[in-house]
Amino acid sequence: MVDGPYKADEVELTSSLGYYLTKARNVLVERTDRAVKPLGLTAQQIGVILMLSSRRASTPFELSRAMSYDSGSMTRLLDRLEKKGFVVRTRSNDDRRMVKLELTPQGHEAARQLPNLGATVLNDQLRGFTAEEHATLIHLLARFIANGPEGEADVGCGPPPPPPDEPRR
């Protein structure tokens, strides 16, 4: 028996949380794809650019782990970014088996433009939300993520922010 708001015999696809989370992600990806198209990137590819730019990852393995991609998918993604001129792979001087990733000048320029594009996309998608509704949405999603299996939480997600009615520290 499951304790919670859902009962197996009453779950409706189009009213479930999973449906809404998937739809929300798809809407955001589509809008982001349109915003970054002039840079020659896709929503999927900007994660790599931002992770390398912020130095949160520097190898394919680190990127795969941080972005929850299998190694084959990450290899194909890096192949496309390298072919487009955003990323270059080099061998480590310390361990020739280790592949290091670096942004090219074109990759650095894209990384410089992405925060503005991302803010525009998010602000458009949050049109009509109050500051309190935005804070509540972030807080609830952070709590939802924190309930996931141990060790599988997104590397970039820290502890949930305080609820909107609590003072920020």
C-alpha atoms as a PDB file:
ATOM      1  CA  MET A   1       0.000   0.000   0.000  1.00  0.00           C
ATOM      2  CA  VAL A   2       1.255   3.449  -0.956  1.00  0.00           C
ATOM      3  CA  ASP A   3       0.834   6.400   1.378  1.00  0.00           C
ATOM      4  CA  GLY A   4       0.336   9.683  -0.471  1.00  0.00           C
ATOM      5  CA  PRO A   5      -2.004  11.614  -2.714  1.00  0.00           C
ATOM      6  CA  TYR A   6      -2.057   9.047  -5.545  1.00  0.00           C
ATOM      7  CA  LYS A   7      -3.943   5.767  -5.626  1.00  0.00           C
ATOM      8  CA  ALA A   8      -3.069   3.353  -8.436  1.00  0.00           C
ATOM      9  CA  ASP A   9      -6.643   2.808  -9.540  1.00  0.00           C
ATOM     10  CA  GLU A  10      -7.385   6.556  -9.617  1.00  0.00           C
ATOM     11  CA  VAL A  11      -4.305   7.964 -11.385  1.00  0.00           C
ATOM     12  CA  GLU A  12      -5.133   9.890 -14.551  1.00  0.00           C
ATOM     13  CA  LEU A  13      -2.307  10.614 -16.945  1.00  0.00           C
ATOM     14  CA  THR A  14      -3.186  14.231 -17.683  1.00  0.00           C
ATOM     15  CA  SER A  15      -3.739  15.192 -14.053  1.00  0.00           C
ATOM     16  CA  SER A  16      -0.650  13.561 -12.545  1.00  0.00           C
ATOM     17  CA  LEU A  17       2.367  15.439 -11.273  1.00  0.00           C
ATOM     18  CA  GLY A  18       4.606  13.483 -13.661  1.00  0.00           C
ATOM     19  CA  TYR A  19       2.565  14.725 -16.605  1.00  0.00           C
ATOM     20  CA  TYR A  20       2.859  18.352 -15.496  1.00  0.00           C
ATOM     21  CA  LEU A  21       6.586  18.096 -14.756  1.00  0.00           C
ATOM     22  CA  THR A  22       7.221  16.552 -18.176  1.00  0.00           C
ATOM     23  CA  LYS A  23       5.078  19.167 -19.952  1.00  0.00           C
ATOM     24  CA  ALA A  24       6.815  21.993 -18.047  1.00  0.00           C
ATOM     25  CA  ARG A  25      10.240  20.635 -19.006  1.00  0.00           C
ATOM     26  CA  ASN A  26       9.214  20.239 -22.649  1.00  0.00           C
ATOM     27  CA  VAL A  27       7.853  23.801 -22.828  1.00  0.00           C
ATOM     28  CA  LEU A  28      11.051  25.173 -21.289  1.00  0.00           C
ATOM     29  CA  VAL A  29      13.282  23.112 -23.622  1.00  0.00           C
ATOM     30  CA  GLU A  30      11.327  24.237 -26.704  1.00  0.00           C
ATOM     31  CA  ARG A  31      11.493  27.891 -25.679  1.00  0.00           C
ATOM     32  CA  THR A  32      15.211  27.579 -24.841  1.00  0.00           C
ATOM     33  CA  ASP A  33      15.938  25.872 -28.176  1.00  0.00           C
ATOM     34  CA  ARG A  34      14.423  28.860 -29.989  1.00  0.00           C
ATOM     35  CA  ALA A  35      16.413  31.334 -27.866  1.00  0.00           C
ATOM     36  CA  VAL A  36      19.810  29.676 -28.403  1.00  0.00           C
ATOM     37  CA  LYS A  37      19.322  28.734 -32.064  1.00  0.00           C
ATOM     38  CA  PRO A  38      21.056  31.947 -33.280  1.00  0.00           C
ATOM     39  CA  LEU A  39      24.169  30.805 -31.367  1.00  0.00           C
ATOM     40  CA  GLY A  40      24.098  27.458 -33.168  1.00  0.00           C
ATOM     41  CA  LEU A  41      23.225  25.593 -29.961  1.00  0.00           C
ATOM     42  CA  THR A  42      20.363  23.561 -28.543  1.00  0.00           C
ATOM     43  CA  ALA A  43      18.960  23.520 -25.018  1.00  0.00           C
ATOM     44  CA  GLN A  44      20.646  20.154 -24.491  1.00  0.00           C
ATOM     45  CA  GLN A  45      24.050  21.547 -25.488  1.00  0.00           C
ATOM     46  CA  ILE A  46      24.025  24.646 -23.292  1.00  0.00           C
ATOM     47  CA  GLY A  47      24.377  22.530 -20.155  1.00  0.00           C
ATOM     48  CA  VAL A  48      27.796  21.378 -21.361  1.00  0.00           C
ATOM     49  CA  ILE A  49      28.866  24.927 -22.229  1.00  0.00           C
ATOM     50  CA  LEU A  50      27.779  26.236 -18.809  1.00  0.00           C
ATOM     51  CA  MET A  51      29.323  23.337 -16.870  1.00  0.00           C
ATOM     52  CA  LEU A  52      32.673  23.826 -18.614  1.00  0.00           C
ATOM     53  CA  SER A  53      32.510  27.614 -18.317  1.00  0.00           C
ATOM     54  CA  SER A  54      31.821  27.456 -14.577  1.00  0.00           C
ATOM     55  CA  ARG A  55      34.542  24.795 -14.151  1.00  0.00           C
ATOM     56  CA  ARG A  56      32.057  22.415 -12.513  1.00  0.00           C
ATOM     57  CA  ALA A  57      33.316  19.735 -14.896  1.00  0.00           C
ATOM     58  CA  SER A  58      36.354  19.310 -17.133  1.00  0.00           C
ATOM     59  CA  THR A  59      36.124  15.715 -18.381  1.00  0.00           C
ATOM     60  CA  PRO A  60      33.472  13.716 -20.216  1.00  0.00           C
ATOM     61  CA  PHE A  61      33.027  11.519 -17.136  1.00  0.00           C
ATOM     62  CA  GLU A  62      32.418  14.510 -14.854  1.00  0.00           C
ATOM     63  CA  LEU A  63      29.940  15.972 -17.335  1.00  0.00           C
ATOM     64  CA  SER A  64      28.088  12.656 -17.716  1.00  0.00           C
ATOM     65  CA  ARG A  65      27.754  12.317 -13.980  1.00  0.00           C
ATOM     66  CA  ALA A  66      26.716  15.923 -13.331  1.00  0.00           C
ATOM     67  CA  MET A  67      24.187  15.964 -16.173  1.00  0.00           C
ATOM     68  CA  SER A  68      22.888  12.386 -15.679  1.00  0.00           C
ATOM     69  CA  TYR A  69      23.862  11.250 -19.194  1.00  0.00           C
ATOM     70  CA  ASP A  70      25.259   7.869 -20.114  1.00  0.00           C
ATOM     71  CA  SER A  71      28.742   7.899 -21.637  1.00  0.00           C
ATOM     72  CA  GLY A  72      27.502   7.169 -25.178  1.00  0.00           C
ATOM     73  CA  SER A  73      25.043  10.079 -25.138  1.00  0.00           C
ATOM     74  CA  MET A  74      27.708  12.398 -23.741  1.00  0.00           C
ATOM     75  CA  THR A  75      30.189  11.312 -26.425  1.00  0.00           C
ATOM     76  CA  ARG A  76      27.678  12.122 -29.183  1.00  0.00           C
ATOM     77  CA  LEU A  77      26.840  15.469 -27.578  1.00  0.00           C
ATOM     78  CA  LEU A  78      30.535  16.377 -27.310  1.00  0.00           C
ATOM     79  CA  ASP A  79      31.134  15.237 -30.902  1.00  0.00           C
ATOM     80  CA  ARG A  80      28.469  17.706 -32.089  1.00  0.00           C
ATOM     81  CA  LEU A  81      29.828  20.554 -29.951  1.00  0.00           C
ATOM     82  CA  GLU A  82      33.373  19.871 -31.130  1.00  0.00           C
ATOM     83  CA  LYS A  83      32.255  19.772 -34.781  1.00  0.00           C
ATOM     84  CA  LYS A  84      30.469  23.123 -34.296  1.00  0.00           C
ATOM     85  CA  GLY A  85      33.633  24.635 -32.786  1.00  0.00           C
ATOM     86  CA  PHE A  86      32.452  25.194 -29.188  1.00  0.00           C
ATOM     87  CA  VAL A  87      34.556  22.557 -27.421  1.00  0.00           C
ATOM     88  CA  VAL A  88      37.955  20.966 -27.897  1.00  0.00           C
ATOM     89  CA  ARG A  89      39.162  17.671 -26.431  1.00  0.00           C
ATOM     90  CA  THR A  90      42.761  17.274 -25.341  1.00  0.00           C
ATOM     91  CA  ARG A  91      44.696  14.532 -23.586  1.00  0.00           C
ATOM     92  CA  SER A  92      45.909  15.156 -20.052  1.00  0.00           C
ATOM     93  CA  ASN A  93      49.665  15.612 -19.746  1.00  0.00           C
ATOM     94  CA  ASP A  94      49.597  13.676 -16.465  1.00  0.00           C
ATOM     95  CA  ASP A  95      47.561  10.717 -17.719  1.00  0.00           C
ATOM     96  CA  ARG A  96      47.238  10.257 -21.492  1.00  0.00           C
ATOM     97  CA  ARG A  97      44.121   8.106 -20.953  1.00  0.00           C
ATOM     98  CA  MET A  98      42.300  11.130 -19.499  1.00  0.00           C
ATOM     99  CA  VAL A  99      40.429  13.406 -21.906  1.00  0.00           C
ATOM    100  CA  LYS A 100      40.160  17.035 -20.848  1.00  0.00           C
ATOM    101  CA  LEU A 101      37.541  19.385 -22.258  1.00  0.00           C
ATOM    102  CA  GLU A 102      37.968  23.077 -22.909  1.00  0.00           C
ATOM    103  CA  LEU A 103      35.797  25.744 -24.419  1.00  0.00           C
ATOM    104  CA  THR A 104      37.057  27.372 -27.588  1.00  0.00           C
ATOM    105  CA  PRO A 105      36.823  31.164 -27.979  1.00  0.00           C
ATOM    106  CA  GLN A 106      33.448  30.535 -29.657  1.00  0.00           C
ATOM    107  CA  GLY A 107      32.411  28.434 -26.647  1.00  0.00           C
ATOM    108  CA  HIS A 108      33.462  31.187 -24.221  1.00  0.00           C
ATOM    109  CA  GLU A 109      31.486  33.752 -26.222  1.00  0.00           C
ATOM    110  CA  ALA A 110      28.395  31.536 -26.106  1.00  0.00           C
ATOM    111  CA  ALA A 111      28.862  31.062 -22.335  1.00  0.00           C
ATOM    112  CA  ARG A 112      28.989  34.837 -21.948  1.00  0.00           C
ATOM    113  CA  GLN A 113      25.645  35.243 -23.773  1.00  0.00           C
ATOM    114  CA  LEU A 114      23.768  32.325 -22.200  1.00  0.00           C
ATOM    115  CA  PRO A 115      22.876  33.902 -18.818  1.00  0.00           C
ATOM    116  CA  ASN A 116      21.020  36.767 -20.547  1.00  0.00           C
ATOM    117  CA  LEU A 117      19.225  34.367 -22.892  1.00  0.00           C
ATOM    118  CA  GLY A 118      18.346  32.057 -20.010  1.00  0.00           C
ATOM    119  CA  ALA A 119      16.990  34.905 -17.890  1.00  0.00           C
ATOM    120  CA  THR A 120      14.833  36.072 -20.795  1.00  0.00           C
ATOM    121  CA  VAL A 121      13.415  32.576 -21.344  1.00  0.00           C
ATOM    122  CA  LEU A 122      12.670  32.053 -17.657  1.00  0.00           C
ATOM    123  CA  ASN A 123      11.155  35.504 -17.220  1.00  0.00           C
ATOM    124  CA  ASP A 124       8.901  34.918 -20.220  1.00  0.00           C
ATOM    125  CA  GLN A 125       7.827  31.546 -18.864  1.00  0.00           C
ATOM    126  CA  LEU A 126       7.185  33.008 -15.393  1.00  0.00           C
ATOM    127  CA  ARG A 127       5.127  35.904 -16.755  1.00  0.00           C
ATOM    128  CA  GLY A 128       2.274  36.627 -14.341  1.00  0.00           C
ATOM    129  CA  PHE A 129       3.882  34.854 -11.373  1.00  0.00           C
ATOM    130  CA  THR A 130       4.339  36.898  -8.216  1.00  0.00           C
ATOM    131  CA  ALA A 131       7.699  36.865  -6.430  1.00  0.00           C
ATOM    132  CA  GLU A 132       6.080  34.743  -3.712  1.00  0.00           C
ATOM    133  CA  GLU A 133       4.686  32.242  -6.245  1.00  0.00           C
ATOM    134  CA  HIS A 134       8.124  31.970  -7.861  1.00  0.00           C
ATOM    135  CA  ALA A 135       9.768  31.367  -4.472  1.00  0.00           C
ATOM    136  CA  THR A 136       7.118  28.776  -3.593  1.00  0.00           C
ATOM    137  CA  LEU A 137       7.623  26.957  -6.904  1.00  0.00           C
ATOM    138  CA  ILE A 138      11.396  26.786  -6.349  1.00  0.00           C
ATOM    139  CA  HIS A 139      10.948  25.661  -2.748  1.00  0.00           C
ATOM    140  CA  LEU A 140       8.469  22.910  -3.627  1.00  0.00           C
ATOM    141  CA  LEU A 141      10.534  21.584  -6.530  1.00  0.00           C
ATOM    142  CA  ALA A 142      13.666  21.550  -4.338  1.00  0.00           C
ATOM    143  CA  ARG A 143      11.785  19.526  -1.724  1.00  0.00           C
ATOM    144  CA  PHE A 144      10.505  17.180  -4.427  1.00  0.00           C
ATOM    145  CA  ILE A 145      14.073  16.642  -5.704  1.00  0.00           C
ATOM    146  CA  ALA A 146      15.386  16.144  -2.152  1.00  0.00           C
ATOM    147  CA  ASN A 147      12.981  13.185  -1.760  1.00  0.00           C
ATOM    148  CA  GLY A 148      14.819  11.348  -4.556  1.00  0.00           C
ATOM    149  CA  PRO A 149      17.136   8.392  -4.022  1.00  0.00           C
ATOM    150  CA  GLU A 150      20.252   9.252  -2.061  1.00  0.00           C
ATOM    151  CA  GLY A 151      23.137  10.352  -4.213  1.00  0.00           C
ATOM    152  CA  GLU A 152      20.947  11.015  -7.256  1.00  0.00           C
ATOM    153  CA  ALA A 153      20.074  14.627  -6.498  1.00  0.00           C
ATOM    154  CA  ASP A 154      21.314  17.110  -9.065  1.00  0.00           C
ATOM    155  CA  VAL A 155      24.851  18.254  -8.293  1.00  0.00           C
ATOM    156  CA  GLY A 156      23.752  21.893  -8.599  1.00  0.00           C
ATOM    157  CA  CYS A 157      20.826  21.616  -6.200  1.00  0.00           C
ATOM    158  CA  GLY A 158      21.736  22.598  -2.701  1.00  0.00           C
ATOM    159  CA  PRO A 159      19.390  22.404   0.231  1.00  0.00           C
ATOM    160  CA  PRO A 160      15.886  23.619  -0.488  1.00  0.00           C
ATOM    161  CA  PRO A 161      15.488  27.362  -0.149  1.00  0.00           C
ATOM    162  CA  PRO A 162      13.382  28.491   2.795  1.00  0.00           C
ATOM    163  CA  PRO A 163       9.654  28.700   2.161  1.00  0.00           C
ATOM    164  CA  PRO A 164       8.537  32.145   1.021  1.00  0.00           C
ATOM    165  CA  ASP A 165       7.016  32.963   4.403  1.00  0.00           C
ATOM    166  CA  GLU A 166      10.308  32.331   6.247  1.00  0.00           C
ATOM    167  CA  PRO A 167      13.013  34.996   6.284  1.00  0.00           C
ATOM    168  CA  ARG A 168      15.997  34.295   4.032  1.00  0.00           C
ATOM    169  CA  ARG A 169      19.331  33.937   5.785  1.00  0.00           C
END
